[in-house]
Amino acid sequence: MGYLRIQAILVASLLVLGPAGLVRAQVPAGSPGAATGVRGPFEISEFLAINDRGLDDEDRDEEDWIEIHNVSAGPASLAGWYLTDRADNLTQWKFPAVTLGPDGYLVVFASGKDRRDPAGTLHTNFRLSGTGEYLALVRPDGVTVASEYAPAFPVQAPDVSYGVSGATTEIVLLAPGAPAKALIPFSDALEQRVRPDAPRPWTHEELDDSYWLSGKTWVGFGYS
């Protein structure tokens, strides 16, 4: 039996066994971010609001961070642009003269340290809230929002970044109507509790699927 495992952020797992083998699809509690605003040349492409074991800054502190992406086909300057986590203060933190190349990225730490040396690591004068809040990138006029998460981005998970969806390619793993079996465990330990005599966990190629639910694709999973 062929075996395929799709890795993603684990919140809940949906296991589907079809003719091509085992497929593990991850079902996050939320959805990919959808930053809105006036398009280009910059956007907030990603951020991390709860940094427990992730990227360190120059002080070796694990600080929250915000990633800026130049979506244009040429170099562009961030001089005079703003980052803010307050909808009532769009000019909260001002960028120095920093230029990003075409399709370039820049990480700004949301640490509250307020560092703006263009030759060094940039830090905002505010931190991000893991419980969710407003976040925006504002043009130099101090009024026009270029990219925002409004009215607030959702509650965040530790060490899991959140951002806009990039380009995707669709791959058909199981055709609609194909015979399948499904199991919804949250961990190997949970499956062992459901089926204590299971000789192998679901991650093993030669698993015993006789106690899985049978049906036809597509199958889905949702909270109730």
N, C-alpha and C. Protein backbone atom coordinates (compact mmCIF):
# COMPACT_ATOMS: atom_id res chain seq x y z
N MET A 1 0.85 -1.20 0.00
CA MET A 1 0.00 0.00 0.00
C MET A 1 0.88 1.24 0.00
N GLY A 2 0.60 2.17 -0.88
CA GLY A 2 1.38 3.39 -0.91
C GLY A 2 1.05 4.26 0.29
N TYR A 3 2.00 5.12 0.68
CA TYR A 3 1.81 5.93 1.88
C TYR A 3 2.21 7.35 1.57
N LEU A 4 1.34 8.30 1.89
CA LEU A 4 1.61 9.71 1.67
C LEU A 4 1.21 10.48 2.90
N ARG A 5 2.12 11.34 3.36
CA ARG A 5 1.82 12.14 4.54
C ARG A 5 2.07 13.60 4.21
N ILE A 6 1.06 14.42 4.38
CA ILE A 6 1.17 15.85 4.13
C ILE A 6 1.41 16.54 5.46
N GLN A 7 2.55 17.22 5.62
CA GLN A 7 2.88 17.89 6.87
C GLN A 7 2.37 19.31 6.84
N ALA A 8 1.78 19.73 7.93
CA ALA A 8 1.34 21.12 8.09
C ALA A 8 1.23 21.40 9.57
N ILE A 9 0.60 22.51 9.92
CA ILE A 9 0.41 22.84 11.32
C ILE A 9 -0.63 21.92 11.91
N LEU A 10 -0.29 21.24 13.01
CA LEU A 10 -1.21 20.26 13.59
C LEU A 10 -2.15 20.91 14.58
N VAL A 11 -3.40 20.94 14.22
CA VAL A 11 -4.44 21.32 15.16
C VAL A 11 -5.42 20.16 15.29
N ALA A 12 -5.91 19.69 14.18
CA ALA A 12 -6.69 18.46 14.13
C ALA A 12 -6.32 17.75 12.84
N SER A 13 -6.30 16.43 12.85
CA SER A 13 -5.89 15.68 11.68
C SER A 13 -7.04 14.88 11.12
N LEU A 14 -7.14 14.86 9.82
CA LEU A 14 -8.13 14.03 9.15
C LEU A 14 -7.37 13.01 8.32
N LEU A 15 -7.55 11.74 8.60
CA LEU A 15 -6.86 10.69 7.89
C LEU A 15 -7.81 10.04 6.90
N VAL A 16 -7.36 9.91 5.68
CA VAL A 16 -8.19 9.31 4.64
C VAL A 16 -7.40 8.21 3.97
N LEU A 17 -7.97 7.02 3.89
CA LEU A 17 -7.33 5.89 3.24
C LEU A 17 -8.09 5.57 1.97
N GLY A 18 -7.43 5.72 0.83
CA GLY A 18 -8.06 5.44 -0.44
C GLY A 18 -7.19 4.51 -1.26
N PRO A 19 -7.52 4.34 -2.54
CA PRO A 19 -6.77 3.43 -3.39
C PRO A 19 -5.30 3.78 -3.50
N ALA A 20 -4.97 5.07 -3.40
CA ALA A 20 -3.58 5.48 -3.54
C ALA A 20 -2.82 5.39 -2.23
N GLY A 21 -3.49 5.07 -1.14
CA GLY A 21 -2.80 4.98 0.13
C GLY A 21 -3.36 5.94 1.14
N LEU A 22 -2.55 6.23 2.15
CA LEU A 22 -2.98 7.06 3.27
C LEU A 22 -2.64 8.51 3.03
N VAL A 23 -3.61 9.37 3.23
CA VAL A 23 -3.40 10.81 3.10
C VAL A 23 -3.72 11.46 4.43
N ARG A 24 -2.81 12.27 4.92
CA ARG A 24 -3.06 13.01 6.15
C ARG A 24 -3.22 14.47 5.80
N ALA A 25 -4.39 15.02 6.02
CA ALA A 25 -4.64 16.43 5.74
C ALA A 25 -4.85 17.16 7.05
N GLN A 26 -4.18 18.29 7.22
CA GLN A 26 -4.29 19.05 8.45
C GLN A 26 -5.42 20.05 8.36
N VAL A 27 -6.16 20.19 9.43
CA VAL A 27 -7.30 21.10 9.48
C VAL A 27 -7.06 22.13 10.56
N PRO A 28 -6.49 23.31 10.23
CA PRO A 28 -6.25 24.31 11.26
C PRO A 28 -7.56 24.89 11.77
N ALA A 29 -7.52 25.38 13.01
CA ALA A 29 -8.73 25.93 13.61
C ALA A 29 -9.19 27.19 12.88
N GLY A 30 -8.23 27.95 12.35
CA GLY A 30 -8.58 29.14 11.60
C GLY A 30 -8.30 28.93 10.13
N SER A 31 -8.07 30.02 9.40
CA SER A 31 -7.76 29.93 7.99
C SER A 31 -6.57 30.81 7.70
N PRO A 32 -5.92 30.64 6.51
CA PRO A 32 -4.81 31.51 6.19
C PRO A 32 -5.21 32.96 6.27
N GLY A 33 -4.26 33.81 6.59
CA GLY A 33 -4.56 35.22 6.74
C GLY A 33 -5.01 35.84 5.43
N ALA A 34 -5.70 36.93 5.54
CA ALA A 34 -6.19 37.63 4.36
C ALA A 34 -6.00 39.12 4.57
N ALA A 35 -4.74 39.56 4.47
CA ALA A 35 -4.46 40.98 4.65
C ALA A 35 -5.13 41.76 3.53
N THR A 36 -5.76 42.86 3.88
CA THR A 36 -6.44 43.69 2.89
C THR A 36 -5.82 45.07 2.87
N GLY A 37 -6.19 45.88 1.89
CA GLY A 37 -5.67 47.23 1.80
C GLY A 37 -5.41 47.59 0.35
N VAL A 38 -4.69 48.70 0.12
CA VAL A 38 -4.34 49.15 -1.21
C VAL A 38 -3.11 48.38 -1.67
N ARG A 39 -3.24 47.63 -2.75
CA ARG A 39 -2.20 46.70 -3.19
C ARG A 39 -0.91 47.40 -3.59
N GLY A 40 0.23 46.88 -3.11
CA GLY A 40 1.57 47.19 -3.57
C GLY A 40 2.08 48.56 -3.14
N PRO A 41 3.42 48.74 -3.22
CA PRO A 41 4.38 47.69 -3.54
C PRO A 41 4.71 46.76 -2.36
N PHE A 42 4.24 47.12 -1.16
CA PHE A 42 4.56 46.32 0.02
C PHE A 42 3.31 45.73 0.65
N GLU A 43 3.49 44.61 1.33
CA GLU A 43 2.42 44.02 2.12
C GLU A 43 3.01 43.33 3.35
N ILE A 44 2.19 43.17 4.38
CA ILE A 44 2.58 42.35 5.52
C ILE A 44 2.30 40.91 5.11
N SER A 45 3.34 40.19 4.79
CA SER A 45 3.16 38.84 4.26
C SER A 45 3.03 37.79 5.35
N GLU A 46 3.59 38.07 6.53
CA GLU A 46 3.59 37.06 7.59
C GLU A 46 3.96 37.73 8.90
N PHE A 47 3.53 37.15 10.01
CA PHE A 47 3.97 37.64 11.32
C PHE A 47 3.88 36.50 12.32
N LEU A 48 4.59 36.68 13.42
CA LEU A 48 4.55 35.72 14.53
C LEU A 48 4.28 36.51 15.80
N ALA A 49 3.16 36.23 16.45
CA ALA A 49 2.73 37.01 17.61
C ALA A 49 3.07 36.36 18.94
N ILE A 50 3.45 35.08 18.94
CA ILE A 50 3.86 34.40 20.17
C ILE A 50 5.14 33.64 19.86
N ASN A 51 6.27 34.25 20.14
CA ASN A 51 7.57 33.65 19.82
C ASN A 51 8.19 33.08 21.09
N ASP A 52 8.02 31.79 21.29
CA ASP A 52 8.57 31.13 22.48
C ASP A 52 9.91 30.45 22.19
N ARG A 53 10.03 29.86 21.00
CA ARG A 53 11.25 29.12 20.69
C ARG A 53 11.67 29.35 19.24
N GLY A 54 11.39 30.52 18.73
CA GLY A 54 11.66 30.79 17.33
C GLY A 54 12.86 31.68 17.09
N LEU A 55 12.70 32.63 16.20
CA LEU A 55 13.78 33.51 15.76
C LEU A 55 14.23 34.43 16.88
N ASP A 56 15.56 34.51 17.09
CA ASP A 56 16.14 35.42 18.07
C ASP A 56 16.53 36.73 17.40
N ASP A 57 16.45 37.83 18.15
CA ASP A 57 16.96 39.10 17.63
C ASP A 57 18.44 39.22 17.98
N GLU A 58 19.01 40.39 17.74
CA GLU A 58 20.45 40.57 17.98
C GLU A 58 20.81 40.54 19.46
N ASP A 59 19.82 40.67 20.33
CA ASP A 59 20.05 40.56 21.78
C ASP A 59 19.82 39.14 22.28
N ARG A 60 19.57 38.23 21.36
CA ARG A 60 19.25 36.83 21.67
C ARG A 60 17.92 36.71 22.42
N ASP A 61 17.06 37.68 22.20
CA ASP A 61 15.71 37.62 22.75
C ASP A 61 14.76 37.06 21.68
N GLU A 62 13.82 36.25 22.12
CA GLU A 62 12.83 35.69 21.21
C GLU A 62 11.64 36.65 21.15
N GLU A 63 11.69 37.52 20.18
CA GLU A 63 10.68 38.57 20.05
C GLU A 63 9.70 38.25 18.92
N ASP A 64 8.51 38.83 19.02
CA ASP A 64 7.55 38.74 17.92
C ASP A 64 8.15 39.41 16.69
N TRP A 65 7.67 39.04 15.52
CA TRP A 65 8.21 39.67 14.31
C TRP A 65 7.14 39.83 13.24
N ILE A 66 7.42 40.75 12.32
CA ILE A 66 6.54 41.05 11.19
C ILE A 66 7.38 41.00 9.93
N GLU A 67 6.90 40.31 8.91
CA GLU A 67 7.63 40.21 7.65
C GLU A 67 6.97 41.09 6.60
N ILE A 68 7.78 41.92 5.95
CA ILE A 68 7.31 42.80 4.88
C ILE A 68 7.80 42.25 3.54
N HIS A 69 6.93 42.22 2.56
CA HIS A 69 7.25 41.69 1.24
C HIS A 69 7.09 42.77 0.18
N ASN A 70 8.12 42.95 -0.64
CA ASN A 70 8.01 43.83 -1.80
C ASN A 70 7.42 43.01 -2.94
N VAL A 71 6.16 43.24 -3.24
CA VAL A 71 5.46 42.43 -4.25
C VAL A 71 5.67 42.98 -5.66
N SER A 72 6.42 44.07 -5.79
CA SER A 72 6.60 44.68 -7.10
C SER A 72 7.76 44.04 -7.86
N ALA A 73 7.88 44.39 -9.13
CA ALA A 73 8.91 43.83 -9.99
C ALA A 73 10.21 44.63 -9.96
N GLY A 74 10.26 45.66 -9.13
CA GLY A 74 11.46 46.47 -9.03
C GLY A 74 11.77 46.82 -7.59
N PRO A 75 12.95 47.41 -7.32
CA PRO A 75 13.28 47.82 -5.95
C PRO A 75 12.34 48.92 -5.48
N ALA A 76 12.08 48.95 -4.17
CA ALA A 76 11.17 49.95 -3.61
C ALA A 76 11.64 50.32 -2.21
N SER A 77 11.48 51.58 -1.86
CA SER A 77 11.93 52.09 -0.57
C SER A 77 10.79 52.12 0.45
N LEU A 78 11.11 51.71 1.67
CA LEU A 78 10.16 51.77 2.78
C LEU A 78 10.28 53.07 3.57
N ALA A 79 11.12 53.98 3.14
CA ALA A 79 11.32 55.23 3.86
C ALA A 79 10.00 55.96 4.07
N GLY A 80 9.67 56.26 5.31
CA GLY A 80 8.46 57.01 5.62
C GLY A 80 7.21 56.18 5.75
N TRP A 81 7.27 54.89 5.48
CA TRP A 81 6.12 54.02 5.69
C TRP A 81 5.95 53.75 7.18
N TYR A 82 4.79 53.21 7.55
CA TYR A 82 4.50 53.00 8.98
C TYR A 82 3.97 51.59 9.24
N LEU A 83 4.28 51.09 10.43
CA LEU A 83 3.64 49.90 10.97
C LEU A 83 2.87 50.30 12.22
N THR A 84 1.72 49.69 12.42
CA THR A 84 0.93 50.02 13.60
C THR A 84 0.07 48.84 14.03
N ASP A 85 -0.22 48.77 15.31
CA ASP A 85 -1.20 47.80 15.81
C ASP A 85 -2.41 48.53 16.41
N ARG A 86 -2.57 49.80 16.00
CA ARG A 86 -3.69 50.60 16.48
C ARG A 86 -4.39 51.27 15.31
N ALA A 87 -5.65 50.96 15.13
CA ALA A 87 -6.41 51.56 14.04
C ALA A 87 -6.60 53.06 14.24
N ASP A 88 -6.46 53.53 15.49
CA ASP A 88 -6.62 54.95 15.78
C ASP A 88 -5.29 55.70 15.78
N ASN A 89 -4.20 55.03 15.42
CA ASN A 89 -2.89 55.67 15.34
C ASN A 89 -2.11 55.02 14.20
N LEU A 90 -2.36 55.46 12.98
CA LEU A 90 -1.76 54.83 11.81
C LEU A 90 -0.29 55.18 11.62
N THR A 91 0.24 56.13 12.37
CA THR A 91 1.65 56.51 12.24
C THR A 91 2.44 56.10 13.49
N GLN A 92 2.11 54.97 14.04
CA GLN A 92 2.69 54.55 15.32
C GLN A 92 4.19 54.32 15.25
N TRP A 93 4.66 53.64 14.20
CA TRP A 93 6.10 53.38 14.07
C TRP A 93 6.52 53.61 12.63
N LYS A 94 7.55 54.46 12.44
CA LYS A 94 7.96 54.88 11.11
C LYS A 94 9.22 54.15 10.65
N PHE A 95 9.20 53.69 9.41
CA PHE A 95 10.36 53.02 8.82
C PHE A 95 11.46 54.03 8.49
N PRO A 96 12.73 53.62 8.64
CA PRO A 96 13.84 54.42 8.13
C PRO A 96 13.99 54.17 6.63
N ALA A 97 15.05 54.71 6.05
CA ALA A 97 15.29 54.54 4.61
C ALA A 97 15.87 53.16 4.34
N VAL A 98 15.01 52.22 4.09
CA VAL A 98 15.40 50.84 3.77
C VAL A 98 14.79 50.48 2.43
N THR A 99 15.59 49.90 1.56
CA THR A 99 15.12 49.52 0.23
C THR A 99 15.09 48.00 0.10
N LEU A 100 13.99 47.49 -0.43
CA LEU A 100 13.87 46.06 -0.71
C LEU A 100 13.92 45.84 -2.21
N GLY A 101 14.66 44.81 -2.62
CA GLY A 101 14.72 44.45 -4.02
C GLY A 101 13.42 43.84 -4.49
N PRO A 102 13.28 43.60 -5.79
CA PRO A 102 12.06 42.98 -6.30
C PRO A 102 11.82 41.63 -5.65
N ASP A 103 10.60 41.41 -5.19
CA ASP A 103 10.22 40.18 -4.49
C ASP A 103 11.06 39.97 -3.23
N GLY A 104 11.54 41.08 -2.64
CA GLY A 104 12.37 40.99 -1.44
C GLY A 104 11.54 40.97 -0.17
N TYR A 105 12.18 40.51 0.91
CA TYR A 105 11.52 40.39 2.20
C TYR A 105 12.35 41.08 3.29
N LEU A 106 11.67 41.58 4.30
CA LEU A 106 12.33 42.20 5.44
C LEU A 106 11.60 41.80 6.71
N VAL A 107 12.36 41.35 7.72
CA VAL A 107 11.78 41.02 9.02
C VAL A 107 12.00 42.18 9.98
N VAL A 108 10.93 42.64 10.58
CA VAL A 108 10.97 43.68 11.61
C VAL A 108 10.50 43.06 12.91
N PHE A 109 11.31 43.16 13.96
CA PHE A 109 10.90 42.61 15.25
C PHE A 109 9.88 43.53 15.91
N ALA A 110 8.79 42.95 16.36
CA ALA A 110 7.77 43.71 17.10
C ALA A 110 8.04 43.52 18.59
N SER A 111 9.09 44.19 19.05
CA SER A 111 9.63 43.95 20.39
C SER A 111 9.35 45.07 21.37
N GLY A 112 8.96 46.25 20.87
CA GLY A 112 8.84 47.41 21.72
C GLY A 112 10.16 48.14 21.94
N LYS A 113 11.25 47.67 21.32
CA LYS A 113 12.58 48.27 21.54
C LYS A 113 12.80 49.52 20.69
N ASP A 114 12.00 49.74 19.67
CA ASP A 114 12.03 50.96 18.85
C ASP A 114 13.43 51.25 18.31
N ARG A 115 13.91 50.41 17.42
CA ARG A 115 15.22 50.60 16.79
C ARG A 115 15.01 50.82 15.30
N ARG A 116 15.59 51.92 14.78
CA ARG A 116 15.33 52.33 13.40
C ARG A 116 16.59 52.56 12.59
N ASP A 117 17.72 52.02 13.01
CA ASP A 117 18.96 52.17 12.26
C ASP A 117 18.84 51.36 10.97
N PRO A 118 18.87 52.01 9.81
CA PRO A 118 18.70 51.27 8.56
C PRO A 118 19.80 50.25 8.30
N ALA A 119 20.94 50.41 8.97
CA ALA A 119 22.04 49.46 8.81
C ALA A 119 21.96 48.31 9.80
N GLY A 120 21.00 48.38 10.73
CA GLY A 120 20.88 47.35 11.75
C GLY A 120 19.57 46.60 11.65
N THR A 121 19.23 45.92 12.73
CA THR A 121 17.97 45.18 12.81
C THR A 121 16.87 46.13 13.27
N LEU A 122 15.76 46.11 12.60
CA LEU A 122 14.67 47.03 12.92
C LEU A 122 13.75 46.44 13.98
N HIS A 123 13.29 47.31 14.89
CA HIS A 123 12.36 46.92 15.95
C HIS A 123 11.27 47.98 16.05
N THR A 124 10.02 47.56 16.12
CA THR A 124 8.93 48.50 16.32
C THR A 124 8.88 48.95 17.78
N ASN A 125 8.07 49.97 18.04
CA ASN A 125 7.86 50.44 19.41
C ASN A 125 6.63 49.80 20.04
N PHE A 126 6.14 48.74 19.44
CA PHE A 126 4.99 48.01 20.01
C PHE A 126 5.23 46.51 19.86
N ARG A 127 4.48 45.75 20.64
CA ARG A 127 4.51 44.29 20.56
C ARG A 127 3.18 43.80 20.00
N LEU A 128 3.17 42.56 19.55
CA LEU A 128 1.94 41.96 19.05
C LEU A 128 1.23 41.19 20.15
N SER A 129 -0.07 41.17 20.08
CA SER A 129 -0.87 40.44 21.06
C SER A 129 -1.26 39.08 20.50
N GLY A 130 -0.94 38.03 21.24
CA GLY A 130 -1.30 36.70 20.80
C GLY A 130 -2.78 36.42 20.85
N THR A 131 -3.53 37.28 21.52
CA THR A 131 -4.99 37.10 21.59
C THR A 131 -5.70 37.72 20.40
N GLY A 132 -4.94 38.35 19.50
CA GLY A 132 -5.52 38.96 18.31
C GLY A 132 -5.66 40.45 18.44
N GLU A 133 -5.32 41.17 17.38
CA GLU A 133 -5.44 42.62 17.38
C GLU A 133 -5.30 43.14 15.95
N TYR A 134 -5.48 44.43 15.80
CA TYR A 134 -5.31 45.10 14.50
C TYR A 134 -3.83 45.17 14.16
N LEU A 135 -3.50 45.06 12.87
CA LEU A 135 -2.13 45.21 12.41
C LEU A 135 -2.16 45.77 11.00
N ALA A 136 -1.34 46.80 10.74
CA ALA A 136 -1.39 47.43 9.42
C ALA A 136 -0.04 47.99 9.00
N LEU A 137 0.13 48.05 7.69
CA LEU A 137 1.24 48.74 7.05
C LEU A 137 0.65 49.94 6.32
N VAL A 138 1.18 51.13 6.59
CA VAL A 138 0.57 52.37 6.12
C VAL A 138 1.54 53.13 5.23
N ARG A 139 1.03 53.73 4.17
CA ARG A 139 1.85 54.50 3.24
C ARG A 139 2.37 55.79 3.89
N PRO A 140 3.39 56.41 3.27
CA PRO A 140 4.00 57.61 3.87
C PRO A 140 3.06 58.77 4.11
N ASP A 141 1.90 58.79 3.48
CA ASP A 141 0.96 59.89 3.75
C ASP A 141 0.32 59.76 5.12
N GLY A 142 0.54 58.62 5.79
CA GLY A 142 0.02 58.43 7.14
C GLY A 142 -1.47 58.16 7.20
N VAL A 143 -2.08 57.98 6.04
CA VAL A 143 -3.54 57.80 5.98
C VAL A 143 -3.92 56.53 5.22
N THR A 144 -3.23 56.28 4.13
CA THR A 144 -3.59 55.17 3.24
C THR A 144 -3.02 53.85 3.75
N VAL A 145 -3.90 52.92 4.04
CA VAL A 145 -3.48 51.61 4.52
C VAL A 145 -3.16 50.72 3.33
N ALA A 146 -1.92 50.23 3.27
CA ALA A 146 -1.49 49.38 2.16
C ALA A 146 -1.78 47.92 2.41
N SER A 147 -1.73 47.52 3.68
CA SER A 147 -1.93 46.11 4.05
C SER A 147 -2.39 46.08 5.49
N GLU A 148 -3.45 45.35 5.78
CA GLU A 148 -3.94 45.32 7.15
C GLU A 148 -4.63 44.00 7.48
N TYR A 149 -4.64 43.67 8.75
CA TYR A 149 -5.44 42.57 9.29
C TYR A 149 -6.49 43.24 10.17
N ALA A 150 -7.70 43.36 9.63
CA ALA A 150 -8.74 44.14 10.28
C ALA A 150 -10.06 43.37 10.32
N PRO A 151 -10.86 43.57 11.34
CA PRO A 151 -10.58 44.44 12.49
C PRO A 151 -9.51 43.89 13.41
N ALA A 152 -9.18 42.60 13.29
CA ALA A 152 -8.12 42.01 14.10
C ALA A 152 -7.76 40.65 13.53
N PHE A 153 -6.50 40.28 13.64
CA PHE A 153 -6.14 38.90 13.30
C PHE A 153 -6.60 37.99 14.43
N PRO A 154 -6.81 36.71 14.16
CA PRO A 154 -7.37 35.81 15.19
C PRO A 154 -6.37 35.45 16.27
N VAL A 155 -6.84 34.76 17.29
CA VAL A 155 -5.97 34.27 18.36
C VAL A 155 -4.88 33.40 17.74
N GLN A 156 -3.65 33.60 18.20
CA GLN A 156 -2.50 32.92 17.62
C GLN A 156 -2.02 31.76 18.49
N ALA A 157 -1.29 30.84 17.87
CA ALA A 157 -0.69 29.70 18.57
C ALA A 157 0.80 29.96 18.74
N PRO A 158 1.41 29.49 19.82
CA PRO A 158 2.85 29.70 20.04
C PRO A 158 3.69 29.14 18.90
N ASP A 159 4.63 29.94 18.43
CA ASP A 159 5.60 29.54 17.42
C ASP A 159 4.97 29.10 16.10
N VAL A 160 3.79 29.60 15.82
CA VAL A 160 3.12 29.34 14.54
C VAL A 160 2.86 30.69 13.87
N SER A 161 3.49 30.93 12.73
CA SER A 161 3.31 32.20 12.05
C SER A 161 1.98 32.23 11.31
N TYR A 162 1.56 33.43 10.96
CA TYR A 162 0.26 33.66 10.31
C TYR A 162 0.48 34.66 9.19
N GLY A 163 -0.16 34.47 8.06
CA GLY A 163 0.04 35.42 6.98
C GLY A 163 -0.85 35.15 5.80
N VAL A 164 -0.57 35.88 4.73
CA VAL A 164 -1.36 35.75 3.52
C VAL A 164 -0.96 34.49 2.78
N SER A 165 -1.90 33.94 2.04
CA SER A 165 -1.64 32.74 1.26
C SER A 165 -0.80 33.10 0.04
N GLY A 166 0.17 32.26 -0.26
CA GLY A 166 0.97 32.44 -1.46
C GLY A 166 0.38 31.69 -2.63
N ALA A 167 1.15 31.61 -3.70
CA ALA A 167 0.69 30.86 -4.87
C ALA A 167 0.60 29.38 -4.52
N THR A 168 -0.43 28.72 -5.00
CA THR A 168 -0.63 27.31 -4.68
C THR A 168 -0.81 26.49 -5.95
N THR A 169 -0.47 25.22 -5.85
CA THR A 169 -0.67 24.27 -6.94
C THR A 169 -1.57 23.16 -6.45
N GLU A 170 -2.61 22.86 -7.19
CA GLU A 170 -3.55 21.83 -6.78
C GLU A 170 -3.09 20.46 -7.26
N ILE A 171 -3.05 19.50 -6.35
CA ILE A 171 -2.69 18.12 -6.67
C ILE A 171 -3.84 17.23 -6.21
N VAL A 172 -4.41 16.45 -7.10
CA VAL A 172 -5.51 15.56 -6.75
C VAL A 172 -4.93 14.28 -6.16
N LEU A 173 -5.20 14.04 -4.90
CA LEU A 173 -4.73 12.84 -4.22
C LEU A 173 -5.78 11.74 -4.26
N LEU A 174 -7.02 12.12 -4.05
CA LEU A 174 -8.14 11.18 -4.13
C LEU A 174 -9.24 11.83 -4.94
N ALA A 175 -9.71 11.13 -5.96
CA ALA A 175 -10.76 11.69 -6.80
C ALA A 175 -12.10 11.65 -6.07
N PRO A 176 -13.00 12.58 -6.35
CA PRO A 176 -14.33 12.55 -5.73
C PRO A 176 -15.03 11.22 -6.01
N GLY A 177 -15.62 10.65 -4.97
CA GLY A 177 -16.33 9.40 -5.11
C GLY A 177 -15.49 8.16 -4.97
N ALA A 178 -14.17 8.31 -4.78
CA ALA A 178 -13.31 7.15 -4.60
C ALA A 178 -13.58 6.51 -3.25
N PRO A 179 -13.51 5.18 -3.15
CA PRO A 179 -13.71 4.53 -1.85
C PRO A 179 -12.61 4.94 -0.89
N ALA A 180 -12.98 5.13 0.36
CA ALA A 180 -12.00 5.60 1.34
C ALA A 180 -12.39 5.14 2.74
N LYS A 181 -11.42 5.20 3.63
CA LYS A 181 -11.67 4.99 5.05
C LYS A 181 -11.08 6.18 5.79
N ALA A 182 -11.69 6.57 6.90
CA ALA A 182 -11.26 7.78 7.59
C ALA A 182 -11.18 7.56 9.09
N LEU A 183 -10.24 8.27 9.71
CA LEU A 183 -10.09 8.29 11.16
C LEU A 183 -9.69 9.70 11.55
N ILE A 184 -10.17 10.18 12.69
CA ILE A 184 -9.85 11.54 13.13
C ILE A 184 -9.18 11.48 14.50
N PRO A 185 -7.87 11.25 14.54
CA PRO A 185 -7.15 11.29 15.82
C PRO A 185 -6.52 12.66 16.02
N PHE A 186 -6.27 13.04 17.26
CA PHE A 186 -5.51 14.25 17.54
C PHE A 186 -4.05 13.92 17.82
N SER A 187 -3.76 12.64 18.05
CA SER A 187 -2.39 12.21 18.30
C SER A 187 -2.35 10.70 18.25
N ASP A 188 -1.14 10.15 18.18
CA ASP A 188 -0.98 8.70 18.24
C ASP A 188 -1.54 8.17 19.55
N ALA A 189 -1.33 8.91 20.64
CA ALA A 189 -1.80 8.46 21.95
C ALA A 189 -3.31 8.33 21.97
N LEU A 190 -4.01 9.25 21.30
CA LEU A 190 -5.47 9.18 21.26
C LEU A 190 -5.93 7.93 20.53
N GLU A 191 -5.26 7.60 19.43
CA GLU A 191 -5.66 6.40 18.70
C GLU A 191 -5.45 5.16 19.56
N GLN A 192 -4.38 5.14 20.33
CA GLN A 192 -4.14 3.98 21.19
C GLN A 192 -5.23 3.87 22.24
N ARG A 193 -5.79 5.01 22.69
CA ARG A 193 -6.89 4.95 23.65
C ARG A 193 -8.18 4.47 22.97
N VAL A 194 -8.38 4.90 21.72
CA VAL A 194 -9.57 4.46 20.99
C VAL A 194 -9.48 2.97 20.67
N ARG A 195 -8.31 2.54 20.31
CA ARG A 195 -8.10 1.14 19.95
C ARG A 195 -6.84 0.65 20.67
N PRO A 196 -6.92 0.31 21.97
CA PRO A 196 -5.74 -0.06 22.75
C PRO A 196 -4.96 -1.23 22.17
N ASP A 197 -5.66 -2.12 21.45
CA ASP A 197 -4.98 -3.29 20.91
C ASP A 197 -4.39 -3.05 19.52
N ALA A 198 -4.45 -1.80 19.05
CA ALA A 198 -3.89 -1.51 17.73
C ALA A 198 -2.40 -1.81 17.75
N PRO A 199 -1.92 -2.70 16.85
CA PRO A 199 -0.51 -3.09 16.90
C PRO A 199 0.43 -1.99 16.47
N ARG A 200 -0.05 -1.07 15.64
CA ARG A 200 0.81 0.00 15.14
C ARG A 200 0.00 1.30 15.09
N PRO A 201 0.64 2.44 15.27
CA PRO A 201 -0.08 3.72 15.14
C PRO A 201 -0.42 3.98 13.68
N TRP A 202 -1.26 5.01 13.45
CA TRP A 202 -1.71 5.32 12.09
C TRP A 202 -0.59 5.79 11.18
N THR A 203 0.57 6.17 11.74
CA THR A 203 1.68 6.64 10.91
C THR A 203 2.42 5.49 10.25
N HIS A 204 2.12 4.26 10.60
CA HIS A 204 2.81 3.11 10.04
C HIS A 204 2.14 2.68 8.74
N GLU A 205 2.95 2.31 7.75
CA GLU A 205 2.39 1.92 6.46
C GLU A 205 1.47 0.71 6.57
N GLU A 206 1.82 -0.24 7.42
CA GLU A 206 1.06 -1.48 7.52
C GLU A 206 0.07 -1.41 8.69
N LEU A 207 -0.66 -0.31 8.76
CA LEU A 207 -1.60 -0.13 9.85
C LEU A 207 -2.85 -0.98 9.65
N ASP A 208 -3.54 -1.26 10.74
CA ASP A 208 -4.80 -1.99 10.71
C ASP A 208 -5.93 -0.97 10.61
N ASP A 209 -6.57 -0.89 9.46
CA ASP A 209 -7.62 0.10 9.25
C ASP A 209 -9.02 -0.51 9.34
N SER A 210 -9.12 -1.70 9.89
CA SER A 210 -10.42 -2.38 9.92
C SER A 210 -11.45 -1.66 10.78
N TYR A 211 -11.00 -0.85 11.73
CA TYR A 211 -11.92 -0.14 12.63
C TYR A 211 -12.15 1.30 12.18
N TRP A 212 -11.62 1.69 11.01
CA TRP A 212 -11.85 3.03 10.47
C TRP A 212 -13.25 3.10 9.84
N LEU A 213 -13.76 4.31 9.70
CA LEU A 213 -15.04 4.52 9.03
C LEU A 213 -14.87 4.35 7.52
N SER A 214 -15.83 3.70 6.89
CA SER A 214 -15.77 3.49 5.44
C SER A 214 -16.76 4.41 4.74
N GLY A 215 -16.41 4.81 3.53
CA GLY A 215 -17.30 5.66 2.75
C GLY A 215 -16.64 6.04 1.45
N LYS A 216 -17.13 7.11 0.85
CA LYS A 216 -16.57 7.62 -0.38
C LYS A 216 -16.12 9.06 -0.17
N THR A 217 -15.08 9.43 -0.90
CA THR A 217 -14.62 10.82 -0.84
C THR A 217 -15.64 11.70 -1.59
N TRP A 218 -15.73 12.97 -1.26
CA TRP A 218 -14.91 13.62 -0.25
C TRP A 218 -15.45 13.39 1.16
N VAL A 219 -14.53 13.42 2.13
CA VAL A 219 -14.93 13.39 3.53
C VAL A 219 -14.41 14.66 4.18
N GLY A 220 -15.01 15.06 5.28
CA GLY A 220 -14.59 16.30 5.92
C GLY A 220 -14.66 16.18 7.42
N PHE A 221 -14.16 17.22 8.06
CA PHE A 221 -14.14 17.25 9.52
C PHE A 221 -14.46 18.66 9.97
N GLY A 222 -15.29 18.77 11.00
CA GLY A 222 -15.60 20.09 11.54
C GLY A 222 -15.92 20.00 13.01
N TYR A 223 -15.76 21.13 13.70
CA TYR A 223 -16.08 21.19 15.12
C TYR A 223 -17.57 21.46 15.30
N SER A 224 -18.18 20.89 16.31
CA SER A 224 -19.59 21.14 16.57
C SER A 224 -19.79 21.43 18.05
